[in-house]
N, C-alpha and C. Protein backbone atom coordinates (compact mmCIF):
# COMPACT_ATOMS: atom_id res chain seq x y z
N MET A 1 43.53 46.97 -43.81
CA MET A 1 43.68 47.79 -42.62
C MET A 1 42.76 49.00 -42.76
N SER A 2 42.17 49.40 -41.71
CA SER A 2 41.29 50.57 -41.77
C SER A 2 41.63 51.49 -40.62
N THR A 3 41.14 52.68 -40.72
CA THR A 3 41.35 53.73 -39.68
C THR A 3 40.03 54.46 -39.48
N VAL A 4 39.98 55.28 -38.47
CA VAL A 4 38.75 56.00 -38.13
C VAL A 4 38.79 57.39 -38.73
N LEU A 5 37.71 57.79 -39.35
CA LEU A 5 37.52 59.14 -39.85
C LEU A 5 36.25 59.65 -39.18
N SER A 6 36.41 60.67 -38.36
CA SER A 6 35.23 61.17 -37.68
C SER A 6 34.86 62.55 -38.21
N ILE A 7 33.59 62.82 -38.25
CA ILE A 7 33.11 64.12 -38.72
C ILE A 7 32.08 64.66 -37.75
N ARG A 8 31.92 65.96 -37.76
CA ARG A 8 30.87 66.57 -36.93
C ARG A 8 29.72 66.95 -37.85
N VAL A 9 28.52 66.64 -37.35
CA VAL A 9 27.31 67.01 -38.09
C VAL A 9 26.38 67.70 -37.12
N PRO A 10 25.49 68.52 -37.64
CA PRO A 10 24.50 69.14 -36.76
C PRO A 10 23.68 68.11 -36.01
N LYS A 11 23.26 68.46 -34.82
CA LYS A 11 22.55 67.54 -33.95
C LYS A 11 21.29 66.99 -34.63
N ARG A 12 20.57 67.84 -35.38
CA ARG A 12 19.35 67.42 -36.06
C ARG A 12 19.63 66.29 -37.07
N ILE A 13 20.79 66.35 -37.75
CA ILE A 13 21.14 65.29 -38.69
C ILE A 13 21.42 63.99 -37.94
N LYS A 14 22.14 64.08 -36.85
CA LYS A 14 22.42 62.86 -36.08
C LYS A 14 21.12 62.24 -35.58
N GLU A 15 20.17 63.04 -35.16
CA GLU A 15 18.89 62.51 -34.70
C GLU A 15 18.12 61.83 -35.85
N GLN A 16 18.17 62.44 -37.02
CA GLN A 16 17.53 61.83 -38.19
C GLN A 16 18.18 60.51 -38.57
N VAL A 17 19.53 60.48 -38.48
CA VAL A 17 20.25 59.22 -38.81
C VAL A 17 19.83 58.12 -37.84
N LYS A 18 19.66 58.48 -36.57
CA LYS A 18 19.27 57.47 -35.56
C LYS A 18 17.89 56.89 -35.90
N THR A 19 16.98 57.67 -36.51
CA THR A 19 15.65 57.16 -36.82
C THR A 19 15.71 56.08 -37.89
N PHE A 20 16.79 56.08 -38.67
CA PHE A 20 16.98 55.07 -39.71
C PHE A 20 18.16 54.17 -39.35
N GLY A 21 18.18 53.71 -38.13
CA GLY A 21 19.29 52.92 -37.62
C GLY A 21 19.53 51.61 -38.37
N ASP A 22 18.51 51.09 -39.03
CA ASP A 22 18.68 49.84 -39.76
C ASP A 22 19.38 50.01 -41.12
N PHE A 23 19.53 51.27 -41.56
CA PHE A 23 20.20 51.57 -42.82
C PHE A 23 21.72 51.41 -42.61
N ASP A 24 22.42 50.92 -43.61
CA ASP A 24 23.88 50.69 -43.52
C ASP A 24 24.61 52.01 -43.83
N TRP A 25 24.67 52.87 -42.84
CA TRP A 25 25.28 54.21 -43.02
C TRP A 25 26.77 54.10 -43.30
N LYS A 26 27.44 53.13 -42.68
CA LYS A 26 28.90 53.00 -42.88
C LYS A 26 29.23 52.77 -44.32
N ASN A 27 28.58 51.78 -44.96
CA ASN A 27 28.88 51.49 -46.36
C ASN A 27 28.46 52.64 -47.28
N TYR A 28 27.34 53.28 -46.96
CA TYR A 28 26.85 54.40 -47.76
C TYR A 28 27.89 55.54 -47.74
N ILE A 29 28.36 55.86 -46.56
CA ILE A 29 29.30 56.99 -46.43
C ILE A 29 30.64 56.64 -47.06
N GLN A 30 31.11 55.39 -46.87
CA GLN A 30 32.35 54.97 -47.52
C GLN A 30 32.21 55.07 -49.05
N SER A 31 31.13 54.63 -49.58
CA SER A 31 30.91 54.69 -51.01
C SER A 31 30.86 56.13 -51.50
N ALA A 32 30.20 56.99 -50.77
CA ALA A 32 30.12 58.41 -51.15
C ALA A 32 31.47 59.06 -51.14
N VAL A 33 32.29 58.75 -50.11
CA VAL A 33 33.63 59.32 -50.05
C VAL A 33 34.51 58.81 -51.18
N GLU A 34 34.44 57.52 -51.46
CA GLU A 34 35.21 56.95 -52.56
C GLU A 34 34.83 57.53 -53.91
N THR A 35 33.54 57.72 -54.10
CA THR A 35 33.06 58.33 -55.36
C THR A 35 33.60 59.73 -55.51
N LYS A 36 33.53 60.53 -54.43
CA LYS A 36 34.01 61.90 -54.47
C LYS A 36 35.51 61.95 -54.68
N LEU A 37 36.23 61.03 -54.07
CA LEU A 37 37.71 60.98 -54.26
C LEU A 37 38.06 60.69 -55.71
N ARG A 38 37.34 59.74 -56.34
CA ARG A 38 37.60 59.44 -57.74
C ARG A 38 37.32 60.67 -58.63
N GLU A 39 36.24 61.39 -58.32
CA GLU A 39 35.88 62.57 -59.05
C GLU A 39 36.97 63.66 -58.90
N LEU A 40 37.42 63.89 -57.67
CA LEU A 40 38.45 64.89 -57.44
C LEU A 40 39.78 64.50 -58.09
N GLU A 41 40.10 63.22 -58.04
CA GLU A 41 41.34 62.74 -58.69
C GLU A 41 41.26 62.96 -60.20
N ALA A 42 40.13 62.67 -60.82
CA ALA A 42 39.96 62.88 -62.25
C ALA A 42 40.09 64.36 -62.59
N GLN A 43 39.50 65.22 -61.75
CA GLN A 43 39.62 66.66 -62.00
C GLN A 43 41.08 67.13 -61.90
N ARG A 44 41.82 66.57 -60.93
CA ARG A 44 43.22 66.92 -60.76
C ARG A 44 44.05 66.50 -62.00
N VAL A 45 43.79 65.29 -62.46
CA VAL A 45 44.52 64.78 -63.63
C VAL A 45 44.20 65.62 -64.87
N LEU A 46 42.92 65.97 -65.05
CA LEU A 46 42.52 66.82 -66.19
C LEU A 46 43.21 68.18 -66.13
N LYS A 47 43.33 68.75 -64.95
CA LYS A 47 44.02 70.03 -64.81
C LYS A 47 45.49 69.92 -65.20
N GLU A 48 46.12 68.80 -64.80
CA GLU A 48 47.51 68.56 -65.17
C GLU A 48 47.65 68.41 -66.67
N ILE A 49 46.73 67.70 -67.29
CA ILE A 49 46.77 67.50 -68.73
C ILE A 49 46.57 68.85 -69.43
N ASP A 50 45.64 69.66 -68.94
CA ASP A 50 45.42 70.99 -69.52
C ASP A 50 46.71 71.83 -69.41
N ALA A 51 47.37 71.76 -68.30
CA ALA A 51 48.60 72.53 -68.12
C ALA A 51 49.67 72.06 -69.09
N LEU A 52 49.79 70.74 -69.29
CA LEU A 52 50.73 70.21 -70.26
C LEU A 52 50.38 70.63 -71.69
N ASN A 53 49.10 70.59 -72.00
CA ASN A 53 48.65 70.98 -73.33
C ASN A 53 48.97 72.44 -73.61
N ARG A 54 48.80 73.31 -72.59
CA ARG A 54 49.09 74.71 -72.76
C ARG A 54 50.58 74.92 -73.06
N LYS A 55 51.43 74.11 -72.46
CA LYS A 55 52.88 74.20 -72.71
C LYS A 55 53.21 73.79 -74.13
N LEU A 56 52.41 72.89 -74.70
CA LEU A 56 52.66 72.36 -76.03
C LEU A 56 52.04 73.18 -77.16
N GLU A 57 51.20 74.15 -76.82
CA GLU A 57 50.55 74.95 -77.86
C GLU A 57 51.57 75.63 -78.74
N GLY A 58 51.37 75.51 -80.02
CA GLY A 58 52.25 76.15 -80.98
C GLY A 58 53.48 75.34 -81.35
N LYS A 59 53.71 74.25 -80.63
CA LYS A 59 54.84 73.40 -80.95
C LYS A 59 54.39 72.27 -81.86
N PRO A 60 55.18 71.92 -82.86
CA PRO A 60 54.76 70.83 -83.76
C PRO A 60 54.73 69.51 -82.98
N SER A 61 53.74 68.71 -83.29
CA SER A 61 53.64 67.39 -82.65
C SER A 61 54.05 66.31 -83.64
N PRO A 62 54.62 65.21 -83.15
CA PRO A 62 55.02 64.12 -84.05
C PRO A 62 53.79 63.48 -84.68
N PRO A 63 53.95 62.88 -85.82
CA PRO A 63 52.81 62.20 -86.44
C PRO A 63 52.35 61.04 -85.59
N SER A 64 51.05 60.73 -85.68
CA SER A 64 50.47 59.68 -84.83
C SER A 64 51.10 58.34 -85.09
N TRP A 65 51.47 58.03 -86.36
CA TRP A 65 52.07 56.74 -86.64
C TRP A 65 53.38 56.56 -85.88
N LYS A 66 54.12 57.64 -85.70
CA LYS A 66 55.40 57.56 -84.99
C LYS A 66 55.17 57.29 -83.51
N LEU A 67 54.17 57.92 -82.93
CA LEU A 67 53.81 57.70 -81.53
C LEU A 67 53.37 56.26 -81.28
N ILE A 68 52.59 55.72 -82.24
CA ILE A 68 52.12 54.34 -82.13
C ILE A 68 53.28 53.36 -82.19
N ARG A 69 54.21 53.60 -83.11
CA ARG A 69 55.35 52.71 -83.23
C ARG A 69 56.24 52.76 -81.97
N GLU A 70 56.43 53.98 -81.41
CA GLU A 70 57.21 54.10 -80.17
C GLU A 70 56.51 53.36 -79.05
N ASP A 71 55.21 53.44 -79.01
CA ASP A 71 54.46 52.78 -77.94
C ASP A 71 54.59 51.26 -78.08
N ARG A 72 54.65 50.76 -79.31
CA ARG A 72 54.75 49.31 -79.57
C ARG A 72 56.19 48.82 -79.37
N GLY A 73 57.13 49.74 -79.27
CA GLY A 73 58.50 49.33 -79.05
C GLY A 73 59.29 49.07 -80.32
N ARG A 74 58.83 49.61 -81.43
CA ARG A 74 59.54 49.39 -82.70
C ARG A 74 60.47 50.52 -83.00
């Protein structure tokens, strides 16, 4: 399912786009938006991780072997 996303651009840009009417603008713009969304999502996740790490500063962490065993379900 898809929906419409409309944007306003300066008239000069619209005129330039028209000159390259054979270019697949729809797929190019979709790809650019998807790429930017992945980038923004990664930035958001990294900020959340940083916030969690700041909360953990100074607290002892469990040994890595224990975390691995818990992850494996032992």
